[in-house]
């Protein structure tokens, strides 16, 4: 009998532990900026990883989410076969006031 395969739970970095240059580097990539902007316009925990309109494959998308988690921007959890996301807006804003608001504006 085979046992079900489980993914390893994602590791998260709290924004308090993130240097400003790490945060800026994470937000400088156009794909990651799109992910953050789409999360900013979505209810928490409503977006699975595969629902974002970005021009990258699964492996690259996974990498981008890893970078966003390491920068304290995104939190992820598994719900059945889906991995859902939330923007850690309050926590990130407490660490870097105003930064997230500047980068999610579409007129910038």
C-alpha atoms as a PDB file:
ATOM      1  CA  UNK A   1       0.000   0.000   0.000  1.00  0.00           C
ATOM      2  CA  UNK A   2       1.399   3.378  -0.933  1.00  0.00           C
ATOM      3  CA  UNK A   3       1.234   6.365   1.364  1.00  0.00           C
ATOM      4  CA  UNK A   4      -0.039   9.685   0.066  1.00  0.00           C
ATOM      5  CA  UNK A   5       2.631  12.205  -0.897  1.00  0.00           C
ATOM      6  CA  UNK A   6       2.557  15.456   0.990  1.00  0.00           C
ATOM      7  CA  UNK A   7       4.266  18.683   0.075  1.00  0.00           C
ATOM      8  CA  UNK A   8       6.557  20.298   2.556  1.00  0.00           C
ATOM      9  CA  UNK A   9       4.896  23.273   4.186  1.00  0.00           C
ATOM     10  CA  UNK A  10       6.348  26.549   2.905  1.00  0.00           C
ATOM     11  CA  UNK A  11       8.784  28.444   5.109  1.00  0.00           C
ATOM     12  CA  UNK A  12       7.945  32.061   5.823  1.00  0.00           C
ATOM     13  CA  UNK A  13      10.123  34.982   6.816  1.00  0.00           C
ATOM     14  CA  UNK A  14       8.529  37.603   9.020  1.00  0.00           C
ATOM     15  CA  UNK A  15       8.845  41.118   7.569  1.00  0.00           C
ATOM     16  CA  UNK A  16      10.597  42.251  10.779  1.00  0.00           C
ATOM     17  CA  UNK A  17      13.515  40.026   9.746  1.00  0.00           C
ATOM     18  CA  UNK A  18      13.789  41.398   6.199  1.00  0.00           C
ATOM     19  CA  UNK A  19      16.389  44.013   5.204  1.00  0.00           C
ATOM     20  CA  UNK A  20      15.064  46.802   2.999  1.00  0.00           C
ATOM     21  CA  UNK A  21      17.297  45.753   0.085  1.00  0.00           C
ATOM     22  CA  UNK A  22      15.784  42.243   0.142  1.00  0.00           C
ATOM     23  CA  UNK A  23      12.301  43.732   0.023  1.00  0.00           C
ATOM     24  CA  UNK A  24      13.214  46.072  -2.818  1.00  0.00           C
ATOM     25  CA  UNK A  25      14.881  43.290  -4.804  1.00  0.00           C
ATOM     26  CA  UNK A  26      11.797  41.096  -4.450  1.00  0.00           C
ATOM     27  CA  UNK A  27       9.548  43.899  -5.665  1.00  0.00           C
ATOM     28  CA  UNK A  28      11.833  44.898  -8.556  1.00  0.00           C
ATOM     29  CA  UNK A  29      11.003  41.853 -10.685  1.00  0.00           C
ATOM     30  CA  UNK A  30       8.027  42.423 -13.057  1.00  0.00           C
ATOM     31  CA  UNK A  31       6.539  38.953 -12.459  1.00  0.00           C
ATOM     32  CA  UNK A  32       6.723  39.303  -8.685  1.00  0.00           C
ATOM     33  CA  UNK A  33       5.298  42.806  -8.897  1.00  0.00           C
ATOM     34  CA  UNK A  34       2.349  41.408 -10.861  1.00  0.00           C
ATOM     35  CA  UNK A  35       1.823  38.705  -8.240  1.00  0.00           C
ATOM     36  CA  UNK A  36       1.864  41.271  -5.423  1.00  0.00           C
ATOM     37  CA  UNK A  37      -0.502  43.599  -7.275  1.00  0.00           C
ATOM     38  CA  UNK A  38      -2.953  40.794  -8.011  1.00  0.00           C
ATOM     39  CA  UNK A  39      -2.840  39.660  -4.380  1.00  0.00           C
ATOM     40  CA  UNK A  40      -3.419  43.229  -3.214  1.00  0.00           C
ATOM     41  CA  UNK A  41      -6.677  43.272  -5.184  1.00  0.00           C
ATOM     42  CA  UNK A  42      -7.887  39.872  -3.944  1.00  0.00           C
ATOM     43  CA  UNK A  43      -9.414  38.717  -0.668  1.00  0.00           C
ATOM     44  CA  UNK A  44      -6.980  36.914   1.639  1.00  0.00           C
ATOM     45  CA  UNK A  45      -6.508  33.204   0.965  1.00  0.00           C
ATOM     46  CA  UNK A  46      -8.610  33.344  -2.212  1.00  0.00           C
ATOM     47  CA  UNK A  47      -5.844  32.929  -4.827  1.00  0.00           C
ATOM     48  CA  UNK A  48      -4.216  29.621  -5.599  1.00  0.00           C
ATOM     49  CA  UNK A  49      -0.777  29.713  -7.190  1.00  0.00           C
ATOM     50  CA  UNK A  50      -2.019  28.676 -10.632  1.00  0.00           C
ATOM     51  CA  UNK A  51      -4.597  31.471 -10.877  1.00  0.00           C
ATOM     52  CA  UNK A  52      -2.194  34.322 -11.598  1.00  0.00           C
ATOM     53  CA  UNK A  53      -1.840  35.789 -15.080  1.00  0.00           C
ATOM     54  CA  UNK A  54       1.943  35.688 -15.444  1.00  0.00           C
ATOM     55  CA  UNK A  55       4.029  34.492 -18.415  1.00  0.00           C
ATOM     56  CA  UNK A  56       6.084  31.851 -16.569  1.00  0.00           C
ATOM     57  CA  UNK A  57       5.915  28.110 -16.051  1.00  0.00           C
ATOM     58  CA  UNK A  58       5.233  26.273 -12.786  1.00  0.00           C
ATOM     59  CA  UNK A  59       8.876  26.009 -11.724  1.00  0.00           C
ATOM     60  CA  UNK A  60       9.541  29.714 -12.291  1.00  0.00           C
ATOM     61  CA  UNK A  61       6.292  30.638 -10.542  1.00  0.00           C
ATOM     62  CA  UNK A  62       7.311  28.526  -7.558  1.00  0.00           C
ATOM     63  CA  UNK A  63      10.656  30.355  -7.465  1.00  0.00           C
ATOM     64  CA  UNK A  64       8.940  33.755  -7.546  1.00  0.00           C
ATOM     65  CA  UNK A  65       6.707  32.786  -4.621  1.00  0.00           C
ATOM     66  CA  UNK A  66       9.771  31.562  -2.719  1.00  0.00           C
ATOM     67  CA  UNK A  67      11.402  34.975  -3.176  1.00  0.00           C
ATOM     68  CA  UNK A  68       8.223  36.759  -2.057  1.00  0.00           C
ATOM     69  CA  UNK A  69       7.969  34.549   1.054  1.00  0.00           C
ATOM     70  CA  UNK A  70      11.647  35.191   1.874  1.00  0.00           C
ATOM     71  CA  UNK A  71      10.995  38.934   1.607  1.00  0.00           C
ATOM     72  CA  UNK A  72       8.086  38.706   4.048  1.00  0.00           C
ATOM     73  CA  UNK A  73       5.553  39.774   1.430  1.00  0.00           C
ATOM     74  CA  UNK A  74       3.509  36.622   0.987  1.00  0.00           C
ATOM     75  CA  UNK A  75       2.185  33.892   3.229  1.00  0.00           C
ATOM     76  CA  UNK A  76       1.050  30.567   1.790  1.00  0.00           C
ATOM     77  CA  UNK A  77      -0.854  27.585   3.115  1.00  0.00           C
ATOM     78  CA  UNK A  78      -2.069  24.339   1.639  1.00  0.00           C
ATOM     79  CA  UNK A  79      -5.782  23.697   1.305  1.00  0.00           C
ATOM     80  CA  UNK A  80      -6.124  20.198  -0.058  1.00  0.00           C
ATOM     81  CA  UNK A  81      -4.289  20.057  -3.372  1.00  0.00           C
ATOM     82  CA  UNK A  82      -4.142  23.849  -3.699  1.00  0.00           C
ATOM     83  CA  UNK A  83      -1.604  26.236  -2.246  1.00  0.00           C
ATOM     84  CA  UNK A  84      -3.323  29.528  -1.490  1.00  0.00           C
ATOM     85  CA  UNK A  85      -1.767  32.908  -0.839  1.00  0.00           C
ATOM     86  CA  UNK A  86      -2.232  36.114   1.050  1.00  0.00           C
ATOM     87  CA  UNK A  87      -0.362  39.379   0.906  1.00  0.00           C
ATOM     88  CA  UNK A  88       1.112  40.149   4.329  1.00  0.00           C
ATOM     89  CA  UNK A  89       0.114  43.749   3.918  1.00  0.00           C
ATOM     90  CA  UNK A  90      -0.318  44.779   7.560  1.00  0.00           C
ATOM     91  CA  UNK A  91       2.918  43.137   8.675  1.00  0.00           C
ATOM     92  CA  UNK A  92       4.886  44.498   5.707  1.00  0.00           C
ATOM     93  CA  UNK A  93       3.423  47.987   6.150  1.00  0.00           C
ATOM     94  CA  UNK A  94       4.469  47.967   9.810  1.00  0.00           C
ATOM     95  CA  UNK A  95       8.057  47.180   8.764  1.00  0.00           C
ATOM     96  CA  UNK A  96       8.229  49.434   5.687  1.00  0.00           C
ATOM     97  CA  UNK A  97       5.474  52.081   5.960  1.00  0.00           C
ATOM     98  CA  UNK A  98       4.232  53.264   2.577  1.00  0.00           C
ATOM     99  CA  UNK A  99       6.494  51.058   0.457  1.00  0.00           C
ATOM    100  CA  UNK A 100       3.878  48.524  -0.530  1.00  0.00           C
ATOM    101  CA  UNK A 101       1.341  51.209  -1.357  1.00  0.00           C
ATOM    102  CA  UNK A 102       3.843  52.841  -3.711  1.00  0.00           C
ATOM    103  CA  UNK A 103       4.613  49.677  -5.618  1.00  0.00           C
ATOM    104  CA  UNK A 104       1.076  48.357  -5.993  1.00  0.00           C
ATOM    105  CA  UNK A 105      -0.125  51.567  -7.584  1.00  0.00           C
ATOM    106  CA  UNK A 106      -0.651  50.909 -11.265  1.00  0.00           C
ATOM    107  CA  UNK A 107       0.148  54.486 -12.245  1.00  0.00           C
ATOM    108  CA  UNK A 108       3.756  54.190 -11.056  1.00  0.00           C
END
